[in-house]
Amino acid sequence: MKKSTIIAVILGLACAMGASVGSAHNTNIKAYWAASGMFGPFNIRGLIPALPEDRARDITIPVPMWIIDHPKGIVVFDTGNNVALNTGGCAAHWGEGSCAFLKPSQKRSDVIDMQLKKLGYSVNDVVAVVTSHSHLDHIGNIEMFPNALHIVQKNELYQAWWPEPFQRASGAHIMADYDNARDFNYLTLDGDFDIFGDGSIVVLNAPGHTLGNQSLKLKFRNGDTFIIAQDALWMRENLEGYPAGLNFSVKTYFESAQRLKSMADLEGGTLFFGHDEQQWKEKGNRWYK
């Protein structure tokens, strides 16, 4: 074989390998950051009790949901507060305590089915629903998606049906959110998972806030990386050593927080917090491509 031919073959193999390794860059996805209304105003120390008093302030925070358009179908990351807050009243569904503290301001147009409609989709276009965890503001409307594949950590699904006593007492789990979803099609995970196998949408196991809390990594065709923490990191203050409240394990919480921040830093990506007031004002209610 001639030397020029050998070089051509080697270059061809290198290009093929490069295309394989960088395949996520060739997947054309776009993502919309929506909110199932807002919580507040209330004192930030109600959510982050360790924050010093001199940093206390009133905040109004988003209830985050993400709608991701992939060539193989629509993926929803969290489904927000239950529509019953609009149709039946907050207290009837959540109880007086949760409503009085969280002060939800969800409108009917904020609910996930209407958010999809606003963007030109329907609930039937959704092929997969990723639920970060089973608290009331993240799993609220999974019953709207009986035909989707529901992606959840296996131990989180168990926790949904049998929450720890301190979480039950807090009112964070509302069984009526998912009592008719027991027979849905669940993909139960024990760790990370690449949903479409192309690196564009990867579920990240991020326990701590709950037993099976999970986050999401998005890789766009232009090379941008998003690490969507949801409740693995509520706000910027959590990165300063002040943990969110209502954690299954504070130690594991910080381990997951450090992992997510490190991933974003190493890839030059953007870290999206779950309930950060300022970040929502800067980046919420918009498409990313």
C-alpha atoms as a PDB file:
ATOM      1  CA  MET A   1       0.000   0.000   0.000  1.00  0.00           C
ATOM      2  CA  LYS A   2       1.330   3.418  -0.938  1.00  0.00           C
ATOM      3  CA  LYS A   3       2.265   5.851   1.808  1.00  0.00           C
ATOM      4  CA  SER A   4      -0.312   8.378   0.568  1.00  0.00           C
ATOM      5  CA  THR A   5      -3.028   5.715   0.714  1.00  0.00           C
ATOM      6  CA  ILE A   6      -2.101   4.770   4.284  1.00  0.00           C
ATOM      7  CA  ILE A   7      -2.280   8.398   5.346  1.00  0.00           C
ATOM      8  CA  ALA A   8      -5.687   8.762   3.703  1.00  0.00           C
ATOM      9  CA  VAL A   9      -6.994   5.689   5.520  1.00  0.00           C
ATOM     10  CA  ILE A  10      -5.690   6.949   8.874  1.00  0.00           C
ATOM     11  CA  LEU A  11      -7.247  10.373   8.317  1.00  0.00           C
ATOM     12  CA  GLY A  12     -10.525   8.753   7.326  1.00  0.00           C
ATOM     13  CA  LEU A  13     -10.567   6.673  10.519  1.00  0.00           C
ATOM     14  CA  ALA A  14      -9.716   9.729  12.612  1.00  0.00           C
ATOM     15  CA  CYS A  15     -12.597  11.674  11.073  1.00  0.00           C
ATOM     16  CA  ALA A  16     -14.981   8.778  11.678  1.00  0.00           C
ATOM     17  CA  MET A  17     -13.892   8.500  15.307  1.00  0.00           C
ATOM     18  CA  GLY A  18     -14.219  12.246  15.757  1.00  0.00           C
ATOM     19  CA  ALA A  19     -17.733  12.196  14.346  1.00  0.00           C
ATOM     20  CA  SER A  20     -18.647   9.404  16.767  1.00  0.00           C
ATOM     21  CA  VAL A  21     -17.176  11.117  19.831  1.00  0.00           C
ATOM     22  CA  GLY A  22     -18.787  14.452  18.926  1.00  0.00           C
ATOM     23  CA  SER A  23     -22.135  13.029  17.882  1.00  0.00           C
ATOM     24  CA  ALA A  24     -23.975  15.054  20.534  1.00  0.00           C
ATOM     25  CA  HIS A  25     -22.890  18.222  18.732  1.00  0.00           C
ATOM     26  CA  ASN A  26     -24.716  16.999  15.632  1.00  0.00           C
ATOM     27  CA  THR A  27     -28.036  16.504  17.402  1.00  0.00           C
ATOM     28  CA  ASN A  28     -30.255  19.511  16.931  1.00  0.00           C
ATOM     29  CA  ILE A  29     -32.112  20.087  20.190  1.00  0.00           C
ATOM     30  CA  LYS A  30     -33.688  23.171  21.663  1.00  0.00           C
ATOM     31  CA  ALA A  31     -34.970  23.767  25.182  1.00  0.00           C
ATOM     32  CA  TYR A  32     -37.494  26.121  26.746  1.00  0.00           C
ATOM     33  CA  TRP A  33     -37.298  27.117  30.408  1.00  0.00           C
ATOM     34  CA  ALA A  34     -40.841  27.520  31.716  1.00  0.00           C
ATOM     35  CA  ALA A  35     -42.347  27.992  35.164  1.00  0.00           C
ATOM     36  CA  SER A  36     -45.440  26.543  36.760  1.00  0.00           C
ATOM     37  CA  GLY A  37     -46.114  29.919  38.320  1.00  0.00           C
ATOM     38  CA  MET A  38     -44.169  31.383  41.231  1.00  0.00           C
ATOM     39  CA  PHE A  39     -43.798  30.890  44.984  1.00  0.00           C
ATOM     40  CA  GLY A  40     -43.659  33.774  47.416  1.00  0.00           C
ATOM     41  CA  PRO A  41     -42.886  36.320  48.502  1.00  0.00           C
ATOM     42  CA  PHE A  42     -41.459  34.824  51.695  1.00  0.00           C
ATOM     43  CA  ASN A  43     -38.241  35.023  53.671  1.00  0.00           C
ATOM     44  CA  ILE A  44     -35.382  33.119  52.040  1.00  0.00           C
ATOM     45  CA  ARG A  45     -34.468  31.578  55.415  1.00  0.00           C
ATOM     46  CA  GLY A  46     -37.677  29.606  55.246  1.00  0.00           C
ATOM     47  CA  LEU A  47     -35.985  27.590  52.489  1.00  0.00           C
ATOM     48  CA  ILE A  48     -32.328  27.991  53.508  1.00  0.00           C
ATOM     49  CA  PRO A  49     -32.396  28.083  57.334  1.00  0.00           C
ATOM     50  CA  ALA A  50     -28.582  28.161  57.655  1.00  0.00           C
ATOM     51  CA  LEU A  51     -28.314  31.478  55.826  1.00  0.00           C
ATOM     52  CA  PRO A  52     -27.204  34.235  58.240  1.00  0.00           C
ATOM     53  CA  GLU A  53     -29.863  36.671  59.366  1.00  0.00           C
ATOM     54  CA  ASP A  54     -28.003  39.617  57.897  1.00  0.00           C
ATOM     55  CA  ARG A  55     -28.488  38.059  54.450  1.00  0.00           C
ATOM     56  CA  ALA A  56     -32.186  37.433  54.895  1.00  0.00           C
ATOM     57  CA  ARG A  57     -34.560  38.912  52.332  1.00  0.00           C
ATOM     58  CA  ASP A  58     -37.945  38.252  50.801  1.00  0.00           C
ATOM     59  CA  ILE A  59     -37.863  36.282  47.560  1.00  0.00           C
ATOM     60  CA  THR A  60     -40.308  35.252  44.848  1.00  0.00           C
ATOM     61  CA  ILE A  61     -39.064  32.169  43.062  1.00  0.00           C
ATOM     62  CA  PRO A  62     -39.981  30.156  39.940  1.00  0.00           C
ATOM     63  CA  VAL A  63     -41.397  26.646  39.899  1.00  0.00           C
ATOM     64  CA  PRO A  64     -39.183  25.315  37.090  1.00  0.00           C
ATOM     65  CA  MET A  65     -40.094  23.061  34.162  1.00  0.00           C
ATOM     66  CA  TRP A  66     -38.182  22.394  30.957  1.00  0.00           C
ATOM     67  CA  ILE A  67     -39.580  21.490  27.538  1.00  0.00           C
ATOM     68  CA  ILE A  68     -36.939  19.951  25.265  1.00  0.00           C
ATOM     69  CA  ASP A  69     -37.443  19.417  21.543  1.00  0.00           C
ATOM     70  CA  HIS A  70     -35.356  16.477  20.272  1.00  0.00           C
ATOM     71  CA  PRO A  71     -35.606  15.009  16.748  1.00  0.00           C
ATOM     72  CA  LYS A  72     -37.092  11.858  18.288  1.00  0.00           C
ATOM     73  CA  GLY A  73     -39.749  13.652  20.309  1.00  0.00           C
ATOM     74  CA  ILE A  74     -40.505  16.084  23.119  1.00  0.00           C
ATOM     75  CA  VAL A  75     -39.023  15.539  26.573  1.00  0.00           C
ATOM     76  CA  VAL A  76     -40.471  17.292  29.628  1.00  0.00           C
ATOM     77  CA  PHE A  77     -38.325  17.761  32.719  1.00  0.00           C
ATOM     78  CA  ASP A  78     -40.720  18.129  35.670  1.00  0.00           C
ATOM     79  CA  THR A  79     -44.405  18.921  35.441  1.00  0.00           C
ATOM     80  CA  GLY A  80     -44.831  21.604  38.101  1.00  0.00           C
ATOM     81  CA  ASN A  81     -47.721  22.241  40.490  1.00  0.00           C
ATOM     82  CA  ASN A  82     -50.896  20.255  40.015  1.00  0.00           C
ATOM     83  CA  VAL A  83     -53.594  21.863  37.911  1.00  0.00           C
ATOM     84  CA  ALA A  84     -55.958  21.360  40.866  1.00  0.00           C
ATOM     85  CA  LEU A  85     -54.497  24.542  42.368  1.00  0.00           C
ATOM     86  CA  ASN A  86     -56.391  26.362  39.617  1.00  0.00           C
ATOM     87  CA  THR A  87     -59.439  24.170  39.226  1.00  0.00           C
ATOM     88  CA  GLY A  88     -60.153  23.131  42.795  1.00  0.00           C
ATOM     89  CA  GLY A  89     -58.222  25.552  44.956  1.00  0.00           C
ATOM     90  CA  CYS A  90     -54.838  25.286  46.638  1.00  0.00           C
ATOM     91  CA  ALA A  91     -55.965  24.338  50.134  1.00  0.00           C
ATOM     92  CA  ALA A  92     -58.193  21.533  48.889  1.00  0.00           C
ATOM     93  CA  HIS A  93     -55.251  19.863  47.148  1.00  0.00           C
ATOM     94  CA  TRP A  94     -52.182  20.816  49.212  1.00  0.00           C
ATOM     95  CA  GLY A  95     -53.618  21.759  52.574  1.00  0.00           C
ATOM     96  CA  GLU A  96     -53.620  25.119  54.290  1.00  0.00           C
ATOM     97  CA  GLY A  97     -50.065  24.907  55.619  1.00  0.00           C
ATOM     98  CA  SER A  98     -48.274  24.448  52.291  1.00  0.00           C
ATOM     99  CA  CYS A  99     -50.417  27.061  50.586  1.00  0.00           C
ATOM    100  CA  ALA A 100     -49.845  29.619  53.345  1.00  0.00           C
ATOM    101  CA  PHE A 101     -46.065  29.163  53.296  1.00  0.00           C
ATOM    102  CA  LEU A 102     -45.377  28.745  49.573  1.00  0.00           C
ATOM    103  CA  LYS A 103     -47.961  31.282  48.352  1.00  0.00           C
ATOM    104  CA  PRO A 104     -48.301  29.802  44.847  1.00  0.00           C
ATOM    105  CA  SER A 105     -49.375  32.199  42.103  1.00  0.00           C
ATOM    106  CA  GLN A 106     -49.874  29.657  39.337  1.00  0.00           C
ATOM    107  CA  LYS A 107     -52.315  30.646  36.595  1.00  0.00           C
ATOM    108  CA  ARG A 108     -54.044  28.084  34.390  1.00  0.00           C
ATOM    109  CA  SER A 109     -51.847  29.231  31.506  1.00  0.00           C
ATOM    110  CA  ASP A 110     -48.755  28.299  33.558  1.00  0.00           C
ATOM    111  CA  VAL A 111     -49.657  24.597  33.780  1.00  0.00           C
ATOM    112  CA  ILE A 112     -47.541  22.249  31.688  1.00  0.00           C
ATOM    113  CA  ASP A 113     -50.255  21.304  29.193  1.00  0.00           C
ATOM    114  CA  MET A 114     -50.866  24.978  28.392  1.00  0.00           C
ATOM    115  CA  GLN A 115     -47.156  25.721  28.267  1.00  0.00           C
ATOM    116  CA  LEU A 116     -46.808  22.981  25.644  1.00  0.00           C
ATOM    117  CA  LYS A 117     -49.755  24.382  23.698  1.00  0.00           C
ATOM    118  CA  LYS A 118     -48.224  27.868  23.775  1.00  0.00           C
ATOM    119  CA  LEU A 119     -45.103  26.460  22.112  1.00  0.00           C
ATOM    120  CA  GLY A 120     -47.049  24.546  19.462  1.00  0.00           C
ATOM    121  CA  TYR A 121     -47.067  21.096  21.080  1.00  0.00           C
ATOM    122  CA  SER A 122     -49.557  18.916  22.914  1.00  0.00           C
ATOM    123  CA  VAL A 123     -49.238  16.421  25.753  1.00  0.00           C
ATOM    124  CA  ASN A 124     -49.425  13.658  23.124  1.00  0.00           C
ATOM    125  CA  ASP A 125     -46.194  14.904  21.545  1.00  0.00           C
ATOM    126  CA  VAL A 126     -44.278  14.138  24.736  1.00  0.00           C
ATOM    127  CA  VAL A 127     -42.368  10.850  24.468  1.00  0.00           C
ATOM    128  CA  ALA A 128     -40.620  11.053  27.841  1.00  0.00           C
ATOM    129  CA  VAL A 129     -41.212  12.769  31.172  1.00  0.00           C
ATOM    130  CA  VAL A 130     -38.211  13.066  33.469  1.00  0.00           C
ATOM    131  CA  THR A 131     -39.203  13.740  37.076  1.00  0.00           C
ATOM    132  CA  SER A 132     -36.423  15.210  39.177  1.00  0.00           C
ATOM    133  CA  HIS A 133     -38.070  14.056  42.408  1.00  0.00           C
ATOM    134  CA  SER A 134     -41.450  13.420  43.964  1.00  0.00           C
ATOM    135  CA  HIS A 135     -42.143  16.696  45.745  1.00  0.00           C
ATOM    136  CA  LEU A 136     -45.372  18.551  45.051  1.00  0.00           C
ATOM    137  CA  ASP A 137     -43.893  21.257  42.793  1.00  0.00           C
ATOM    138  CA  HIS A 138     -42.043  18.832  40.492  1.00  0.00           C
ATOM    139  CA  ILE A 139     -44.244  15.757  40.028  1.00  0.00           C
ATOM    140  CA  GLY A 140     -47.591  17.574  40.142  1.00  0.00           C
ATOM    141  CA  ASN A 141     -48.948  16.814  36.669  1.00  0.00           C
ATOM    142  CA  ILE A 142     -47.461  13.486  35.600  1.00  0.00           C
ATOM    143  CA  GLU A 143     -51.003  12.136  35.287  1.00  0.00           C
ATOM    144  CA  MET A 144     -51.400  14.339  32.188  1.00  0.00           C
ATOM    145  CA  PHE A 145     -48.925  12.047  30.377  1.00  0.00           C
ATOM    146  CA  PRO A 146     -50.287   8.478  30.475  1.00  0.00           C
ATOM    147  CA  ASN A 147     -48.691   7.574  27.118  1.00  0.00           C
ATOM    148  CA  ALA A 148     -45.176   8.867  27.839  1.00  0.00           C
ATOM    149  CA  LEU A 149     -42.221   6.978  29.232  1.00  0.00           C
ATOM    150  CA  HIS A 150     -41.604   8.202  32.787  1.00  0.00           C
ATOM    151  CA  ILE A 151     -37.934   8.323  33.757  1.00  0.00           C
ATOM    152  CA  VAL A 152     -37.183   8.294  37.470  1.00  0.00           C
ATOM    153  CA  GLN A 153     -34.620   6.868  39.864  1.00  0.00           C
ATOM    154  CA  LYS A 154     -35.961   3.606  41.244  1.00  0.00           C
ATOM    155  CA  ASN A 155     -35.472   4.576  44.882  1.00  0.00           C
ATOM    156  CA  GLU A 156     -37.277   7.877  44.257  1.00  0.00           C
ATOM    157  CA  LEU A 157     -40.306   6.029  42.954  1.00  0.00           C
ATOM    158  CA  TYR A 158     -40.332   4.002  46.154  1.00  0.00           C
ATOM    159  CA  GLN A 159     -40.007   7.197  48.163  1.00  0.00           C
ATOM    160  CA  ALA A 160     -42.980   8.693  46.333  1.00  0.00           C
ATOM    161  CA  TRP A 161     -45.195   5.834  47.479  1.00  0.00           C
ATOM    162  CA  TRP A 162     -43.665   5.672  50.967  1.00  0.00           C
ATOM    163  CA  PRO A 163     -42.014   8.974  51.949  1.00  0.00           C
ATOM    164  CA  GLU A 164     -39.887   9.273  55.065  1.00  0.00           C
ATOM    165  CA  PRO A 165     -41.920  10.473  58.054  1.00  0.00           C
ATOM    166  CA  PHE A 166     -40.242  13.916  58.151  1.00  0.00           C
ATOM    167  CA  GLN A 167     -41.070  14.464  54.474  1.00  0.00           C
ATOM    168  CA  ARG A 168     -44.649  13.303  54.923  1.00  0.00           C
ATOM    169  CA  ALA A 169     -45.052  15.658  57.858  1.00  0.00           C
ATOM    170  CA  SER A 170     -43.708  18.560  55.802  1.00  0.00           C
ATOM    171  CA  GLY A 171     -46.473  18.203  53.213  1.00  0.00           C
ATOM    172  CA  ALA A 172     -43.925  17.901  50.401  1.00  0.00           C
ATOM    173  CA  HIS A 173     -45.537  14.730  49.033  1.00  0.00           C
ATOM    174  CA  ILE A 174     -49.094  14.918  47.715  1.00  0.00           C
ATOM    175  CA  MET A 175     -50.246  11.405  46.895  1.00  0.00           C
ATOM    176  CA  ALA A 176     -53.117  12.754  44.809  1.00  0.00           C
ATOM    177  CA  ASP A 177     -50.528  14.052  42.320  1.00  0.00           C
ATOM    178  CA  TYR A 178     -49.648  10.515  41.227  1.00  0.00           C
ATOM    179  CA  ASP A 179     -52.133   8.060  42.723  1.00  0.00           C
ATOM    180  CA  ASN A 180     -53.544   7.391  39.242  1.00  0.00           C
ATOM    181  CA  ALA A 181     -50.084   6.975  37.717  1.00  0.00           C
ATOM    182  CA  ARG A 182     -49.085   3.730  39.409  1.00  0.00           C
ATOM    183  CA  ASP A 183     -49.474   1.686  36.225  1.00  0.00           C
ATOM    184  CA  PHE A 184     -47.699   4.123  33.904  1.00  0.00           C
ATOM    185  CA  ASN A 185     -44.694   3.011  31.888  1.00  0.00           C
ATOM    186  CA  TYR A 186     -41.688   3.734  34.122  1.00  0.00           C
ATOM    187  CA  LEU A 187     -38.030   3.495  33.249  1.00  0.00           C
ATOM    188  CA  THR A 188     -36.514   3.156  36.715  1.00  0.00           C
ATOM    189  CA  LEU A 189     -32.859   4.090  36.966  1.00  0.00           C
ATOM    190  CA  ASP A 190     -29.983   3.459  39.308  1.00  0.00           C
ATOM    191  CA  GLY A 191     -27.619   6.190  38.154  1.00  0.00           C
ATOM    192  CA  ASP A 192     -27.089   8.336  35.065  1.00  0.00           C
ATOM    193  CA  PHE A 193     -28.844   7.668  31.753  1.00  0.00           C
ATOM    194  CA  ASP A 194     -28.411   8.958  28.192  1.00  0.00           C
ATOM    195  CA  ILE A 195     -32.028   9.151  27.024  1.00  0.00           C
ATOM    196  CA  PHE A 196     -31.527   8.925  23.253  1.00  0.00           C
ATOM    197  CA  GLY A 197     -27.994   7.531  23.255  1.00  0.00           C
ATOM    198  CA  ASP A 198     -26.516  10.579  21.516  1.00  0.00           C
ATOM    199  CA  GLY A 199     -25.318  12.594  24.519  1.00  0.00           C
ATOM    200  CA  SER A 200     -27.811  15.405  23.962  1.00  0.00           C
ATOM    201  CA  ILE A 201     -30.076  14.723  26.983  1.00  0.00           C
ATOM    202  CA  VAL A 202     -28.505  12.887  29.910  1.00  0.00           C
ATOM    203  CA  VAL A 203     -30.173  12.221  33.257  1.00  0.00           C
ATOM    204  CA  LEU A 204     -27.773  12.784  36.166  1.00  0.00           C
ATOM    205  CA  ASN A 205     -28.257  10.991  39.456  1.00  0.00           C
ATOM    206  CA  ALA A 206     -28.017  13.749  42.103  1.00  0.00           C
ATOM    207  CA  PRO A 207     -29.287  12.424  45.450  1.00  0.00           C
ATOM    208  CA  GLY A 208     -29.338  14.367  48.676  1.00  0.00           C
ATOM    209  CA  HIS A 209     -32.373  16.615  48.522  1.00  0.00           C
ATOM    210  CA  THR A 210     -34.326  13.394  48.204  1.00  0.00           C
ATOM    211  CA  LEU A 211     -33.224   9.779  48.075  1.00  0.00           C
ATOM    212  CA  GLY A 212     -33.419   9.619  44.271  1.00  0.00           C
ATOM    213  CA  ASN A 213     -33.186  13.240  43.190  1.00  0.00           C
ATOM    214  CA  GLN A 214     -31.955  13.710  39.628  1.00  0.00           C
ATOM    215  CA  SER A 215     -30.752  16.548  37.409  1.00  0.00           C
ATOM    216  CA  LEU A 216     -30.313  16.882  33.644  1.00  0.00           C
ATOM    217  CA  LYS A 217     -27.468  17.621  31.263  1.00  0.00           C
ATOM    218  CA  LEU A 218     -28.169  19.098  27.828  1.00  0.00           C
ATOM    219  CA  LYS A 219     -25.636  19.235  25.009  1.00  0.00           C
ATOM    220  CA  PHE A 220     -26.513  21.499  22.097  1.00  0.00           C
ATOM    221  CA  ARG A 221     -25.278  21.202  18.532  1.00  0.00           C
ATOM    222  CA  ASN A 222     -23.120  24.328  18.931  1.00  0.00           C
ATOM    223  CA  GLY A 223     -21.310  22.647  21.833  1.00  0.00           C
ATOM    224  CA  ASP A 224     -23.046  24.535  24.657  1.00  0.00           C
ATOM    225  CA  THR A 225     -23.638  22.501  27.805  1.00  0.00           C
ATOM    226  CA  PHE A 226     -26.451  23.090  30.305  1.00  0.00           C
ATOM    227  CA  ILE A 227     -26.467  21.436  33.723  1.00  0.00           C
ATOM    228  CA  ILE A 228     -30.043  21.774  34.977  1.00  0.00           C
ATOM    229  CA  ALA A 229     -29.829  21.130  38.705  1.00  0.00           C
ATOM    230  CA  GLN A 230     -33.458  21.538  39.731  1.00  0.00           C
ATOM    231  CA  ASP A 231     -33.556  20.918  43.500  1.00  0.00           C
ATOM    232  CA  ALA A 232     -30.017  19.566  43.696  1.00  0.00           C
ATOM    233  CA  LEU A 233     -29.209  23.289  43.860  1.00  0.00           C
ATOM    234  CA  TRP A 234     -32.006  25.696  44.658  1.00  0.00           C
ATOM    235  CA  MET A 235     -30.061  28.949  44.547  1.00  0.00           C
ATOM    236  CA  ARG A 236     -26.586  30.476  44.330  1.00  0.00           C
ATOM    237  CA  GLU A 237     -26.400  30.519  48.135  1.00  0.00           C
ATOM    238  CA  ASN A 238     -26.306  26.718  48.169  1.00  0.00           C
ATOM    239  CA  LEU A 239     -22.911  26.835  46.431  1.00  0.00           C
ATOM    240  CA  GLU A 240     -21.626  28.998  49.286  1.00  0.00           C
ATOM    241  CA  GLY A 241     -22.128  26.188  51.797  1.00  0.00           C
ATOM    242  CA  TYR A 242     -25.696  26.920  52.880  1.00  0.00           C
ATOM    243  CA  PRO A 243     -27.794  23.807  52.181  1.00  0.00           C
ATOM    244  CA  ALA A 244     -31.371  23.820  51.026  1.00  0.00           C
ATOM    245  CA  GLY A 245     -33.888  22.734  53.617  1.00  0.00           C
ATOM    246  CA  LEU A 246     -35.745  19.426  53.708  1.00  0.00           C
ATOM    247  CA  ASN A 247     -32.860  17.208  52.627  1.00  0.00           C
ATOM    248  CA  PHE A 248     -32.684  13.444  52.844  1.00  0.00           C
ATOM    249  CA  SER A 249     -28.932  13.756  53.471  1.00  0.00           C
ATOM    250  CA  VAL A 250     -26.993  17.025  53.733  1.00  0.00           C
ATOM    251  CA  LYS A 251     -23.702  15.185  53.123  1.00  0.00           C
ATOM    252  CA  THR A 252     -24.978  13.584  49.928  1.00  0.00           C
ATOM    253  CA  TYR A 253     -26.595  16.871  48.942  1.00  0.00           C
ATOM    254  CA  PHE A 254     -23.241  18.660  48.951  1.00  0.00           C
ATOM    255  CA  GLU A 255     -21.559  15.789  47.103  1.00  0.00           C
ATOM    256  CA  SER A 256     -24.132  16.058  44.328  1.00  0.00           C
ATOM    257  CA  ALA A 257     -23.896  19.853  44.286  1.00  0.00           C
ATOM    258  CA  GLN A 258     -20.130  19.683  43.893  1.00  0.00           C
ATOM    259  CA  ARG A 259     -20.430  17.115  41.110  1.00  0.00           C
ATOM    260  CA  LEU A 260     -22.856  19.263  39.119  1.00  0.00           C
ATOM    261  CA  LYS A 261     -20.777  22.419  39.552  1.00  0.00           C
ATOM    262  CA  SER A 262     -17.632  20.555  38.521  1.00  0.00           C
ATOM    263  CA  MET A 263     -19.296  19.204  35.403  1.00  0.00           C
ATOM    264  CA  ALA A 264     -20.421  22.686  34.400  1.00  0.00           C
ATOM    265  CA  ASP A 265     -16.995  24.171  35.115  1.00  0.00           C
ATOM    266  CA  LEU A 266     -15.050  21.501  33.214  1.00  0.00           C
ATOM    267  CA  GLU A 267     -17.255  21.808  30.130  1.00  0.00           C
ATOM    268  CA  GLY A 268     -17.565  25.579  30.275  1.00  0.00           C
ATOM    269  CA  GLY A 269     -21.299  25.091  30.660  1.00  0.00           C
ATOM    270  CA  THR A 270     -24.154  26.952  32.296  1.00  0.00           C
ATOM    271  CA  LEU A 271     -25.440  25.765  35.660  1.00  0.00           C
ATOM    272  CA  PHE A 272     -29.172  26.356  36.066  1.00  0.00           C
ATOM    273  CA  PHE A 273     -30.495  26.487  39.620  1.00  0.00           C
ATOM    274  CA  GLY A 274     -33.931  25.207  40.506  1.00  0.00           C
ATOM    275  CA  HIS A 275     -35.416  28.199  42.307  1.00  0.00           C
ATOM    276  CA  ASP A 276     -33.076  31.151  41.906  1.00  0.00           C
ATOM    277  CA  GLU A 277     -35.016  34.408  41.636  1.00  0.00           C
ATOM    278  CA  GLN A 278     -32.341  36.421  39.858  1.00  0.00           C
ATOM    279  CA  GLN A 279     -31.376  33.722  37.353  1.00  0.00           C
ATOM    280  CA  TRP A 280     -35.009  33.269  36.399  1.00  0.00           C
ATOM    281  CA  LYS A 281     -35.372  36.998  35.762  1.00  0.00           C
ATOM    282  CA  GLU A 282     -32.306  36.880  33.518  1.00  0.00           C
ATOM    283  CA  LYS A 283     -32.879  33.603  31.679  1.00  0.00           C
ATOM    284  CA  GLY A 284     -36.446  32.332  32.200  1.00  0.00           C
ATOM    285  CA  ASN A 285     -39.338  32.063  29.731  1.00  0.00           C
ATOM    286  CA  ARG A 286     -37.155  31.671  26.666  1.00  0.00           C
ATOM    287  CA  TRP A 287     -35.805  29.208  24.115  1.00  0.00           C
ATOM    288  CA  TYR A 288     -32.231  27.950  24.035  1.00  0.00           C
ATOM    289  CA  LYS A 289     -30.794  26.387  20.876  1.00  0.00           C
END
